[in-house]
C-alpha atoms as a PDB file:
ATOM      1  CA  MET A   1     -14.175  -3.854  -0.384  1.00  0.00           C
ATOM      2  CA  VAL A   2     -14.896  -6.182   2.518  1.00  0.00           C
ATOM      3  CA  HIS A   3     -18.152  -4.377   3.119  1.00  0.00           C
ATOM      4  CA  LEU A   4     -19.174  -5.090  -0.475  1.00  0.00           C
ATOM      5  CA  MET A   5     -18.096  -8.811   0.061  1.00  0.00           C
ATOM      6  CA  ASP A   6     -20.223  -8.970   3.250  1.00  0.00           C
ATOM      7  CA  SER A   7     -23.374  -7.933   1.239  1.00  0.00           C
ATOM      8  CA  ASP A   8     -23.292 -11.355  -0.264  1.00  0.00           C
ATOM      9  CA  PRO A   9     -23.704 -14.622   1.649  1.00  0.00           C
ATOM     10  CA  TRP A  10     -20.573 -16.544   2.798  1.00  0.00           C
ATOM     11  CA  LYS A  11     -20.527 -20.247   2.704  1.00  0.00           C
ATOM     12  CA  LEU A  12     -18.977 -22.434   5.455  1.00  0.00           C
ATOM     13  CA  SER A  13     -15.730 -24.041   4.326  1.00  0.00           C
ATOM     14  CA  GLN A  14     -13.131 -26.362   5.864  1.00  0.00           C
ATOM     15  CA  SER A  15     -11.010 -25.625   9.010  1.00  0.00           C
ATOM     16  CA  GLY A  16     -13.192 -22.824  10.273  1.00  0.00           C
ATOM     17  CA  ARG A  17     -13.050 -20.777   7.060  1.00  0.00           C
ATOM     18  CA  ARG A  18     -15.903 -19.116   5.103  1.00  0.00           C
ATOM     19  CA  LYS A  19     -15.714 -18.646   1.402  1.00  0.00           C
ATOM     20  CA  GLN A  20     -17.217 -16.993  -1.685  1.00  0.00           C
ATOM     21  CA  ASP A  21     -16.308 -18.416  -5.134  1.00  0.00           C
ATOM     22  CA  TYR A  22     -16.471 -16.475  -8.450  1.00  0.00           C
ATOM     23  CA  GLY A  23     -15.466 -19.132 -11.034  1.00  0.00           C
ATOM     24  CA  PRO A  24     -16.473 -22.178 -12.961  1.00  0.00           C
ATOM     25  CA  LYS A  25     -17.604 -25.428 -11.259  1.00  0.00           C
ATOM     26  CA  VAL A  26     -14.470 -27.783 -11.367  1.00  0.00           C
ATOM     27  CA  ASN A  27     -13.931 -31.427 -10.765  1.00  0.00           C
ATOM     28  CA  PHE A  28     -10.201 -31.488 -10.451  1.00  0.00           C
ATOM     29  CA  ARG A  29      -9.905 -35.260 -10.066  1.00  0.00           C
ATOM     30  CA  LYS A  30     -11.770 -35.848 -13.502  1.00  0.00           C
ATOM     31  CA  GLN A  31     -10.395 -32.738 -14.945  1.00  0.00           C
ATOM     32  CA  LYS A  32     -13.815 -31.497 -15.996  1.00  0.00           C
ATOM     33  CA  LEU A  33     -15.463 -28.107 -15.569  1.00  0.00           C
ATOM     34  CA  LYS A  34     -18.560 -26.308 -16.541  1.00  0.00           C
ATOM     35  CA  MET A  35     -19.680 -22.662 -16.533  1.00  0.00           C
ATOM     36  CA  ALA A  36     -22.751 -23.345 -14.426  1.00  0.00           C
ATOM     37  CA  GLY A  37     -23.819 -20.017 -12.912  1.00  0.00           C
ATOM     38  CA  PHE A  38     -20.374 -18.299 -13.470  1.00  0.00           C
ATOM     39  CA  GLN A  39     -21.004 -14.811 -14.760  1.00  0.00           C
ATOM     40  CA  GLY A  40     -17.655 -13.275 -13.980  1.00  0.00           C
ATOM     41  CA  LEU A  41     -15.605 -11.748 -11.245  1.00  0.00           C
ATOM     42  CA  PRO A  42     -17.401  -9.128  -9.003  1.00  0.00           C
ATOM     43  CA  SER A  43     -17.747  -5.659 -10.101  1.00  0.00           C
ATOM     44  CA  PHE A  44     -15.785  -4.313  -7.060  1.00  0.00           C
ATOM     45  CA  SER A  45     -12.698  -6.182  -8.155  1.00  0.00           C
ATOM     46  CA  GLN A  46     -12.370  -4.461 -11.546  1.00  0.00           C
ATOM     47  CA  LYS A  47     -10.217  -1.591 -10.259  1.00  0.00           C
ATOM     48  CA  VAL A  48      -8.119  -4.100  -8.154  1.00  0.00           C
ATOM     49  CA  VAL A  49      -7.314  -6.144 -11.180  1.00  0.00           C
ATOM     50  CA  GLN A  50      -6.396  -3.015 -13.120  1.00  0.00           C
ATOM     51  CA  ARG A  51      -4.051  -1.829 -10.458  1.00  0.00           C
ATOM     52  CA  MET A  52      -2.408  -5.373 -10.408  1.00  0.00           C
ATOM     53  CA  GLY A  53      -1.366  -4.785 -14.014  1.00  0.00           C
ATOM     54  CA  LEU A  54       0.766  -1.824 -12.960  1.00  0.00           C
ATOM     55  CA  TYR A  55       3.181  -4.110 -11.010  1.00  0.00           C
ATOM     56  CA  PRO A  56       6.212  -5.725 -12.702  1.00  0.00           C
ATOM     57  CA  GLY A  57       5.518  -9.302 -13.379  1.00  0.00           C
ATOM     58  CA  LEU A  58       1.666  -8.811 -13.396  1.00  0.00           C
ATOM     59  CA  GLU A  59       1.325  -6.737 -16.556  1.00  0.00           C
ATOM     60  CA  ASP A  60      -0.358  -9.551 -18.433  1.00  0.00           C
ATOM     61  CA  PHE A  61      -2.102 -11.108 -15.471  1.00  0.00           C
ATOM     62  CA  GLN A  62      -5.763 -12.016 -16.506  1.00  0.00           C
ATOM     63  CA  PRO A  63      -7.685 -13.670 -13.580  1.00  0.00           C
ATOM     64  CA  VAL A  64     -10.339 -16.035 -14.495  1.00  0.00           C
ATOM     65  CA  GLU A  65     -11.321 -16.968 -10.900  1.00  0.00           C
ATOM     66  CA  GLN A  66     -11.573 -15.216  -7.460  1.00  0.00           C
ATOM     67  CA  CYS A  67     -11.942 -16.970  -4.215  1.00  0.00           C
ATOM     68  CA  ASN A  68     -12.636 -14.934  -1.103  1.00  0.00           C
ATOM     69  CA  LEU A  69     -11.724 -16.571   2.229  1.00  0.00           C
ATOM     70  CA  ASP A  70     -12.828 -15.330   5.663  1.00  0.00           C
ATOM     71  CA  TYR A  71     -10.723 -16.186   8.597  1.00  0.00           C
ATOM     72  CA  SER A  72     -11.597 -15.710  12.307  1.00  0.00           C
ATOM     73  CA  PRO A  73      -9.814 -16.662  15.534  1.00  0.00           C
ATOM     74  CA  GLU A  74     -13.168 -17.431  17.124  1.00  0.00           C
ATOM     75  CA  ARG A  75     -13.804 -20.135  14.495  1.00  0.00           C
ATOM     76  CA  GLY A  76     -10.269 -21.414  14.718  1.00  0.00           C
ATOM     77  CA  SER A  77      -9.615 -20.754  11.041  1.00  0.00           C
ATOM     78  CA  ALA A  78      -6.582 -22.110   9.288  1.00  0.00           C
ATOM     79  CA  ILE A  79      -5.582 -23.710   6.037  1.00  0.00           C
ATOM     80  CA  ASP A  80      -3.502 -26.892   5.726  1.00  0.00           C
ATOM     81  CA  PRO A  81      -0.316 -27.027   3.632  1.00  0.00           C
ATOM     82  CA  HIS A  82      -1.322 -27.518  -0.058  1.00  0.00           C
ATOM     83  CA  LEU A  83      -0.314 -26.933  -3.625  1.00  0.00           C
ATOM     84  CA  ASP A  84      -2.977 -25.374  -5.939  1.00  0.00           C
ATOM     85  CA  ASP A  85      -4.095 -27.291  -8.977  1.00  0.00           C
ATOM     86  CA  ALA A  86      -1.899 -26.763 -12.100  1.00  0.00           C
ATOM     87  CA  TRP A  87      -4.161 -28.398 -14.666  1.00  0.00           C
ATOM     88  CA  LEU A  88      -6.642 -25.455 -14.786  1.00  0.00           C
ATOM     89  CA  TRP A  89      -4.788 -22.710 -12.938  1.00  0.00           C
ATOM     90  CA  GLY A  90      -1.753 -21.071 -14.384  1.00  0.00           C
ATOM     91  CA  GLU A  91       1.666 -19.940 -13.179  1.00  0.00           C
ATOM     92  CA  ARG A  92       0.777 -17.040 -10.791  1.00  0.00           C
ATOM     93  CA  LEU A  93      -1.439 -17.093  -7.737  1.00  0.00           C
ATOM     94  CA  VAL A  94      -2.170 -13.543  -6.543  1.00  0.00           C
ATOM     95  CA  SER A  95      -3.693 -12.991  -3.095  1.00  0.00           C
ATOM     96  CA  LEU A  96      -4.867  -9.602  -1.609  1.00  0.00           C
ATOM     97  CA  ASN A  97      -4.674  -9.614   2.321  1.00  0.00           C
ATOM     98  CA  LEU A  98      -7.357  -7.526   3.952  1.00  0.00           C
ATOM     99  CA  LEU A  99      -8.393  -6.494   7.500  1.00  0.00           C
ATOM    100  CA  SER A 100      -5.361  -7.942   9.450  1.00  0.00           C
ATOM    101  CA  ALA A 101      -1.946  -9.186   8.985  1.00  0.00           C
ATOM    102  CA  THR A 102      -0.975 -12.769   9.008  1.00  0.00           C
ATOM    103  CA  VAL A 103       1.877 -15.266   8.174  1.00  0.00           C
ATOM    104  CA  VAL A 104       1.985 -17.613   5.229  1.00  0.00           C
ATOM    105  CA  SER A 105       4.040 -20.731   6.036  1.00  0.00           C
ATOM    106  CA  MET A 106       5.762 -22.429   3.169  1.00  0.00           C
ATOM    107  CA  SER A 107       6.953 -26.071   3.387  1.00  0.00           C
ATOM    108  CA  CYS A 108       8.529 -28.569   0.922  1.00  0.00           C
ATOM    109  CA  GLU A 109       8.241 -32.320   0.885  1.00  0.00           C
ATOM    110  CA  ALA A 110      10.749 -32.855  -1.907  1.00  0.00           C
ATOM    111  CA  PRO A 111      13.731 -35.072  -1.280  1.00  0.00           C
ATOM    112  CA  GLY A 112      17.168 -33.445  -0.726  1.00  0.00           C
ATOM    113  CA  SER A 113      18.380 -30.727   1.509  1.00  0.00           C
ATOM    114  CA  LEU A 114      18.883 -26.991   1.709  1.00  0.00           C
ATOM    115  CA  LEU A 115      22.076 -25.115   2.691  1.00  0.00           C
ATOM    116  CA  LEU A 116      21.054 -22.612   5.373  1.00  0.00           C
ATOM    117  CA  SER A 117      22.990 -20.124   7.425  1.00  0.00           C
ATOM    118  CA  GLU A 118      21.999 -17.963  10.359  1.00  0.00           C
ATOM    119  CA  ALA A 119      20.450 -14.517   9.615  1.00  0.00           C
ATOM    120  CA  PRO A 120      22.969 -11.705  10.018  1.00  0.00           C
ATOM    121  CA  SER A 121      22.904  -9.831  13.331  1.00  0.00           C
ATOM    122  CA  VAL A 122      21.391  -6.342  13.487  1.00  0.00           C
ATOM    123  CA  GLY A 123      21.876  -3.632  15.970  1.00  0.00           C
ATOM    124  CA  PRO A 124      24.792  -1.828  17.547  1.00  0.00           C
ATOM    125  CA  ASP A 125      26.728  -5.081  18.408  1.00  0.00           C
ATOM    126  CA  ALA A 126      26.418  -6.504  14.906  1.00  0.00           C
ATOM    127  CA  SER A 127      29.628  -7.236  12.969  1.00  0.00           C
ATOM    128  CA  ASP A 128      30.669  -5.285   9.823  1.00  0.00           C
ATOM    129  CA  GLY A 129      29.626  -8.280   7.696  1.00  0.00           C
ATOM    130  CA  SER A 130      33.205  -9.543   7.219  1.00  0.00           C
ATOM    131  CA  VAL A 131      32.382 -12.752   9.257  1.00  0.00           C
ATOM    132  CA  VAL A 132      29.938 -14.986   7.486  1.00  0.00           C
ATOM    133  CA  ALA A 133      27.901 -17.373   9.628  1.00  0.00           C
ATOM    134  CA  PRO A 134      28.650 -21.048   8.786  1.00  0.00           C
ATOM    135  CA  SER A 135      26.102 -22.809   6.641  1.00  0.00           C
ATOM    136  CA  ARG A 136      24.560 -26.221   7.417  1.00  0.00           C
ATOM    137  CA  SER A 137      22.582 -28.693   5.408  1.00  0.00           C
ATOM    138  CA  VAL A 138      18.990 -29.177   6.526  1.00  0.00           C
ATOM    139  CA  PRO A 139      16.471 -31.742   5.014  1.00  0.00           C
ATOM    140  CA  CYS A 140      13.793 -29.928   2.891  1.00  0.00           C
ATOM    141  CA  GLN A 141      11.025 -31.659   5.047  1.00  0.00           C
ATOM    142  CA  GLU A 142      12.397 -29.874   8.147  1.00  0.00           C
ATOM    143  CA  VAL A 143      12.303 -26.399   6.668  1.00  0.00           C
ATOM    144  CA  GLU A 144       9.378 -24.050   6.985  1.00  0.00           C
ATOM    145  CA  VAL A 145       9.564 -20.503   5.607  1.00  0.00           C
ATOM    146  CA  ALA A 146       7.475 -17.809   7.339  1.00  0.00           C
ATOM    147  CA  ILE A 147       6.307 -14.934   5.031  1.00  0.00           C
ATOM    148  CA  SER A 148       4.937 -11.948   6.859  1.00  0.00           C
ATOM    149  CA  VAL A 149       1.824 -10.608   5.022  1.00  0.00           C
ATOM    150  CA  PRO A 150       0.819  -7.144   6.068  1.00  0.00           C
ATOM    151  CA  CYS A 151      -2.782  -5.873   5.855  1.00  0.00           C
ATOM    152  CA  ARG A 152      -3.566  -4.542   2.365  1.00  0.00           C
ATOM    153  CA  SER A 153      -0.604  -6.234   0.780  1.00  0.00           C
ATOM    154  CA  LEU A 154      -0.351  -8.332  -2.340  1.00  0.00           C
ATOM    155  CA  LEU A 155       1.341 -11.850  -2.319  1.00  0.00           C
ATOM    156  CA  VAL A 156       2.318 -13.452  -5.588  1.00  0.00           C
ATOM    157  CA  LEU A 157       3.323 -17.115  -5.671  1.00  0.00           C
ATOM    158  CA  THR A 158       5.098 -18.237  -8.801  1.00  0.00           C
ATOM    159  CA  GLY A 159       7.882 -20.551  -9.794  1.00  0.00           C
ATOM    160  CA  ALA A 160       9.076 -22.909  -7.092  1.00  0.00           C
ATOM    161  CA  ALA A 161       6.838 -21.097  -4.579  1.00  0.00           C
ATOM    162  CA  ARG A 162       3.851 -22.032  -6.765  1.00  0.00           C
ATOM    163  CA  HIS A 163       4.707 -25.599  -7.763  1.00  0.00           C
ATOM    164  CA  GLN A 164       7.171 -27.058  -5.247  1.00  0.00           C
ATOM    165  CA  TRP A 165       6.422 -25.358  -1.901  1.00  0.00           C
ATOM    166  CA  ALA A 166       3.082 -25.911  -0.195  1.00  0.00           C
ATOM    167  CA  HIS A 167       1.542 -22.855   1.404  1.00  0.00           C
ATOM    168  CA  ALA A 168      -0.500 -22.882   4.718  1.00  0.00           C
ATOM    169  CA  ILE A 169      -1.815 -20.500   7.364  1.00  0.00           C
ATOM    170  CA  HIS A 170      -1.673 -21.831  11.015  1.00  0.00           C
ATOM    171  CA  ARG A 171      -4.291 -20.996  13.547  1.00  0.00           C
ATOM    172  CA  ARG A 172      -1.777 -19.160  15.708  1.00  0.00           C
ATOM    173  CA  HIS A 173      -1.248 -16.694  12.938  1.00  0.00           C
ATOM    174  CA  ILE A 174      -4.935 -15.653  12.841  1.00  0.00           C
ATOM    175  CA  ASN A 175      -5.348 -12.989  15.603  1.00  0.00           C
ATOM    176  CA  ALA A 176      -8.314 -11.041  14.155  1.00  0.00           C
ATOM    177  CA  ARG A 177     -10.650 -11.269  11.359  1.00  0.00           C
ATOM    178  CA  ARG A 178      -8.848 -11.654   8.092  1.00  0.00           C
ATOM    179  CA  VAL A 179     -10.196 -11.686   4.460  1.00  0.00           C
ATOM    180  CA  CYS A 180      -8.180 -12.803   1.564  1.00  0.00           C
ATOM    181  CA  ALA A 181      -9.057 -12.560  -2.110  1.00  0.00           C
ATOM    182  CA  THR A 182      -7.086 -14.970  -4.273  1.00  0.00           C
ATOM    183  CA  PHE A 183      -7.039 -14.498  -8.058  1.00  0.00           C
ATOM    184  CA  ARG A 184      -6.064 -17.278 -10.404  1.00  0.00           C
ATOM    185  CA  GLU A 185      -5.215 -17.271 -14.086  1.00  0.00           C
ATOM    186  CA  LEU A 186      -5.566 -20.018 -16.688  1.00  0.00           C
ATOM    187  CA  SER A 187      -2.990 -22.639 -17.449  1.00  0.00           C
ATOM    188  CA  SER A 188      -1.512 -22.914 -21.006  1.00  0.00           C
ATOM    189  CA  GLU A 189      -3.996 -25.705 -21.801  1.00  0.00           C
ATOM    190  CA  PHE A 190      -6.716 -23.031 -21.873  1.00  0.00           C
ATOM    191  CA  LEU A 191      -4.795 -20.258 -23.510  1.00  0.00           C
ATOM    192  CA  PRO A 192      -4.378 -19.664 -27.258  1.00  0.00           C
ATOM    193  CA  GLY A 193      -2.639 -22.607 -28.823  1.00  0.00           C
ATOM    194  CA  GLY A 194      -3.795 -25.015 -26.062  1.00  0.00           C
ATOM    195  CA  LYS A 195      -6.159 -27.884 -26.735  1.00  0.00           C
ATOM    196  CA  GLN A 196      -8.967 -26.155 -24.688  1.00  0.00           C
ATOM    197  CA  GLN A 197      -8.428 -22.629 -25.953  1.00  0.00           C
ATOM    198  CA  THR A 198     -12.087 -22.166 -26.956  1.00  0.00           C
ATOM    199  CA  LEU A 199     -13.285 -22.894 -23.400  1.00  0.00           C
ATOM    200  CA  GLY A 200     -10.509 -20.722 -22.020  1.00  0.00           C
ATOM    201  CA  ARG A 201     -11.638 -17.860 -24.186  1.00  0.00           C
ATOM    202  CA  GLU A 202     -15.186 -18.251 -22.981  1.00  0.00           C
ATOM    203  CA  LEU A 203     -14.010 -18.357 -19.321  1.00  0.00           C
ATOM    204  CA  LEU A 204     -11.922 -15.187 -19.685  1.00  0.00           C
ATOM    205  CA  GLN A 205     -14.754 -13.363 -21.558  1.00  0.00           C
ATOM    206  CA  ALA A 206     -17.120 -14.113 -18.675  1.00  0.00           C
ATOM    207  CA  ALA A 207     -14.543 -13.410 -15.957  1.00  0.00           C
ATOM    208  CA  LEU A 208     -13.467  -9.997 -17.156  1.00  0.00           C
ATOM    209  CA  SER A 209     -17.125  -8.818 -17.686  1.00  0.00           C
ATOM    210  CA  PHE A 210     -16.994  -8.106 -13.851  1.00  0.00           C
ATOM    211  CA  ARG A 211     -20.725  -8.882 -13.528  1.00  0.00           C
ATOM    212  CA  GLY A 212     -20.488 -11.960 -11.200  1.00  0.00           C
ATOM    213  CA  ARG A 213     -22.008 -13.046  -7.940  1.00  0.00           C
ATOM    214  CA  PRO A 214     -20.772 -15.872  -5.765  1.00  0.00           C
ATOM    215  CA  VAL A 215     -21.579 -19.317  -7.249  1.00  0.00           C
END
């Protein structure tokens, strides 16, 4: 799959990344979009999308955009903490991790605190679980959750992980070339019953033709 990606040009992006976009041209600040040269997701993603539908929680997932990102330690690649747009993109963000493992770091700027306790011990000296480690209250802003993402794994962000916790990848967690394909679905505004359902139908029809090239 990466070999097929590499047959098309990569564009330089921010923070040492390279990217390929398969999706409409979007101005998120003005909430405007146009089809431009968007002709669909790439043909090599069709079987991947079909396999996604076999997993619980993704049976009805219909991606309308695919963004490939290329990370390299030589370029100091990283991505800063951010929340993806919710005007155009829907509830689930689905990322396929290729070539090497990494760590996705989640952080939350919301007020309040979380009640945390130490992870249980493992190994021959561990207790039988009858003693529970004491919990302590920690401000949300001081908490970072590290999610291990193996090579060839699928990561789905939804719910609080999608809308309240920013995700990032630190430079120290890129130890070899890593390619990530992130698939996004439409928000309710562009689905049947939404005020832009006609445009949403056109976008989905184009996306799922699987005839696209990077735009």
